[in-house]
């Protein structure tokens, strides 16, 4: 009695799956706005220009901006 992989995917039948590039565009569009205020507050806590630059680099490395 093996698992039929086709049956596991049946709940997704008829679902239009976007291309991976479209998925990442959707992720950026969907989640960027919700984090915008948090990112602005995080950057506003900077003590000087060098701190702002370091914070921006950190956010870029984490893929948040």
N, C-alpha and C. Protein backbone atom coordinates (compact mmCIF):
# COMPACT_ATOMS: atom_id res chain seq x y z
N UNK A 1 0.85 -1.18 0.00
CA UNK A 1 0.00 0.00 0.00
C UNK A 1 0.89 1.24 0.00
N UNK A 2 1.21 1.75 -1.16
CA UNK A 2 2.07 2.93 -1.28
C UNK A 2 1.25 4.21 -1.37
N UNK A 3 1.92 5.30 -1.18
CA UNK A 3 1.28 6.61 -1.26
C UNK A 3 1.24 7.03 -2.72
N UNK A 4 0.10 7.43 -3.17
CA UNK A 4 -0.06 7.92 -4.52
C UNK A 4 0.15 9.43 -4.51
N UNK A 5 1.24 9.91 -5.10
CA UNK A 5 1.57 11.33 -5.08
C UNK A 5 0.50 12.16 -5.79
N UNK A 6 -0.12 11.58 -6.79
CA UNK A 6 -1.16 12.30 -7.51
C UNK A 6 -2.30 12.66 -6.57
N UNK A 7 -2.68 11.74 -5.70
CA UNK A 7 -3.79 12.00 -4.77
C UNK A 7 -3.44 13.11 -3.78
N UNK A 8 -2.17 13.23 -3.40
CA UNK A 8 -1.77 14.27 -2.46
C UNK A 8 -1.90 15.66 -3.08
N UNK A 9 -1.80 15.74 -4.39
CA UNK A 9 -1.87 17.03 -5.06
C UNK A 9 -3.28 17.38 -5.54
N UNK A 10 -4.23 16.49 -5.34
CA UNK A 10 -5.59 16.75 -5.80
C UNK A 10 -6.19 18.04 -5.24
N UNK A 11 -5.94 18.43 -4.00
CA UNK A 11 -6.50 19.69 -3.52
C UNK A 11 -6.05 20.90 -4.35
N UNK A 12 -4.95 20.76 -5.07
CA UNK A 12 -4.45 21.86 -5.90
C UNK A 12 -4.94 21.78 -7.33
N UNK A 13 -5.77 20.81 -7.63
CA UNK A 13 -6.27 20.65 -9.00
C UNK A 13 -7.00 21.91 -9.43
N UNK A 14 -6.68 22.39 -10.60
CA UNK A 14 -7.32 23.59 -11.12
C UNK A 14 -6.71 24.89 -10.64
N UNK A 15 -5.73 24.83 -9.75
CA UNK A 15 -5.08 26.03 -9.26
C UNK A 15 -4.03 26.46 -10.28
N UNK A 16 -4.09 27.73 -10.64
CA UNK A 16 -3.12 28.27 -11.60
C UNK A 16 -1.88 28.66 -10.83
N UNK A 17 -0.80 27.93 -11.04
CA UNK A 17 0.44 28.23 -10.33
C UNK A 17 1.29 29.16 -11.16
N UNK A 18 1.70 30.29 -10.58
CA UNK A 18 2.49 31.27 -11.33
C UNK A 18 3.93 30.81 -11.49
N UNK A 19 4.62 31.43 -12.42
CA UNK A 19 6.05 31.17 -12.60
C UNK A 19 6.77 31.65 -11.35
N UNK A 20 7.94 31.11 -11.11
CA UNK A 20 8.71 31.47 -9.92
C UNK A 20 9.00 32.97 -9.87
N UNK A 21 9.34 33.57 -10.99
CA UNK A 21 9.60 35.01 -11.03
C UNK A 21 8.36 35.79 -10.62
N UNK A 22 7.19 35.36 -11.08
CA UNK A 22 5.95 36.02 -10.70
C UNK A 22 5.69 35.85 -9.21
N UNK A 23 6.03 34.71 -8.67
CA UNK A 23 5.86 34.47 -7.23
C UNK A 23 6.66 35.48 -6.42
N UNK A 24 7.93 35.69 -6.79
CA UNK A 24 8.77 36.63 -6.04
C UNK A 24 8.27 38.05 -6.18
N UNK A 25 7.73 38.41 -7.34
CA UNK A 25 7.12 39.74 -7.50
C UNK A 25 5.93 39.87 -6.55
N UNK A 26 5.12 38.82 -6.45
CA UNK A 26 3.97 38.83 -5.57
C UNK A 26 4.41 38.96 -4.11
N UNK A 27 5.45 38.22 -3.73
CA UNK A 27 5.95 38.29 -2.36
C UNK A 27 6.39 39.71 -2.04
N UNK A 28 7.16 40.30 -2.94
CA UNK A 28 7.66 41.66 -2.71
C UNK A 28 6.50 42.65 -2.59
N UNK A 29 5.55 42.54 -3.50
CA UNK A 29 4.40 43.45 -3.50
C UNK A 29 3.55 43.26 -2.24
N UNK A 30 3.35 42.03 -1.84
CA UNK A 30 2.48 41.73 -0.72
C UNK A 30 3.08 42.10 0.61
N UNK A 31 4.34 41.80 0.81
CA UNK A 31 4.92 41.96 2.12
C UNK A 31 5.73 43.24 2.31
N UNK A 32 6.14 43.88 1.25
CA UNK A 32 6.95 45.09 1.39
C UNK A 32 6.18 46.18 2.13
N UNK A 33 4.94 46.40 1.79
CA UNK A 33 4.17 47.47 2.41
C UNK A 33 3.99 47.23 3.91
N UNK A 34 3.74 46.00 4.31
CA UNK A 34 3.50 45.73 5.72
C UNK A 34 4.74 45.96 6.57
N UNK A 35 5.91 45.81 5.98
CA UNK A 35 7.14 46.02 6.72
C UNK A 35 7.68 47.45 6.57
N UNK A 36 7.06 48.23 5.70
CA UNK A 36 7.58 49.57 5.41
C UNK A 36 7.71 50.42 6.68
N UNK A 37 6.68 50.46 7.50
CA UNK A 37 6.72 51.24 8.73
C UNK A 37 7.79 50.76 9.68
N UNK A 38 7.92 49.44 9.80
CA UNK A 38 8.93 48.87 10.69
C UNK A 38 10.34 49.20 10.19
N UNK A 39 10.52 49.14 8.89
CA UNK A 39 11.84 49.44 8.32
C UNK A 39 12.16 50.92 8.51
N UNK A 40 11.19 51.77 8.28
CA UNK A 40 11.41 53.21 8.47
C UNK A 40 11.76 53.51 9.93
N UNK A 41 11.06 52.88 10.87
CA UNK A 41 11.34 53.09 12.29
C UNK A 41 12.73 52.57 12.64
N UNK A 42 13.10 51.43 12.10
CA UNK A 42 14.42 50.85 12.35
C UNK A 42 15.52 51.79 11.85
N UNK A 43 15.33 52.33 10.65
CA UNK A 43 16.32 53.25 10.10
C UNK A 43 16.33 54.58 10.86
N UNK A 44 15.18 55.00 11.34
CA UNK A 44 15.10 56.26 12.09
C UNK A 44 15.85 56.18 13.42
N UNK A 45 16.05 54.98 13.93
CA UNK A 45 16.79 54.81 15.19
C UNK A 45 18.29 54.94 15.01
N UNK A 46 18.74 55.16 13.80
CA UNK A 46 20.17 55.29 13.53
C UNK A 46 20.74 56.51 14.25
N UNK A 47 21.97 56.37 14.71
CA UNK A 47 22.60 57.47 15.46
C UNK A 47 23.44 58.38 14.57
N UNK A 48 23.86 57.90 13.40
CA UNK A 48 24.63 58.72 12.48
C UNK A 48 24.55 58.11 11.08
N UNK A 49 25.21 58.76 10.14
CA UNK A 49 25.15 58.32 8.74
C UNK A 49 25.72 56.90 8.56
N UNK A 50 26.82 56.62 9.24
CA UNK A 50 27.42 55.29 9.13
C UNK A 50 26.48 54.21 9.65
N UNK A 51 25.76 54.53 10.72
CA UNK A 51 24.79 53.59 11.28
C UNK A 51 23.66 53.32 10.29
N UNK A 52 23.19 54.37 9.62
CA UNK A 52 22.13 54.20 8.61
C UNK A 52 22.62 53.28 7.50
N UNK A 53 23.83 53.54 7.02
CA UNK A 53 24.39 52.71 5.94
C UNK A 53 24.50 51.25 6.38
N UNK A 54 24.96 51.01 7.59
CA UNK A 54 25.09 49.63 8.09
C UNK A 54 23.72 48.97 8.22
N UNK A 55 22.75 49.71 8.68
CA UNK A 55 21.40 49.14 8.81
C UNK A 55 20.80 48.81 7.44
N UNK A 56 21.03 49.69 6.46
CA UNK A 56 20.54 49.44 5.11
C UNK A 56 21.20 48.18 4.54
N UNK A 57 22.50 48.06 4.71
CA UNK A 57 23.21 46.87 4.23
C UNK A 57 22.68 45.60 4.90
N UNK A 58 22.41 45.69 6.19
CA UNK A 58 21.88 44.53 6.93
C UNK A 58 20.52 44.13 6.37
N UNK A 59 19.67 45.11 6.12
CA UNK A 59 18.34 44.82 5.56
C UNK A 59 18.45 44.23 4.15
N UNK A 60 19.41 44.73 3.36
CA UNK A 60 19.60 44.19 2.02
C UNK A 60 20.09 42.75 2.08
N UNK A 61 21.01 42.45 2.98
CA UNK A 61 21.52 41.07 3.12
C UNK A 61 20.40 40.12 3.52
N UNK A 62 19.48 40.62 4.31
CA UNK A 62 18.35 39.78 4.75
C UNK A 62 17.23 39.73 3.72
N UNK A 63 17.39 40.49 2.63
CA UNK A 63 16.39 40.47 1.57
C UNK A 63 15.13 41.24 1.91
N UNK A 64 15.22 42.16 2.86
CA UNK A 64 14.03 42.89 3.29
C UNK A 64 13.82 44.16 2.48
N UNK A 65 14.89 44.63 1.82
CA UNK A 65 14.75 45.80 0.95
C UNK A 65 15.54 45.53 -0.32
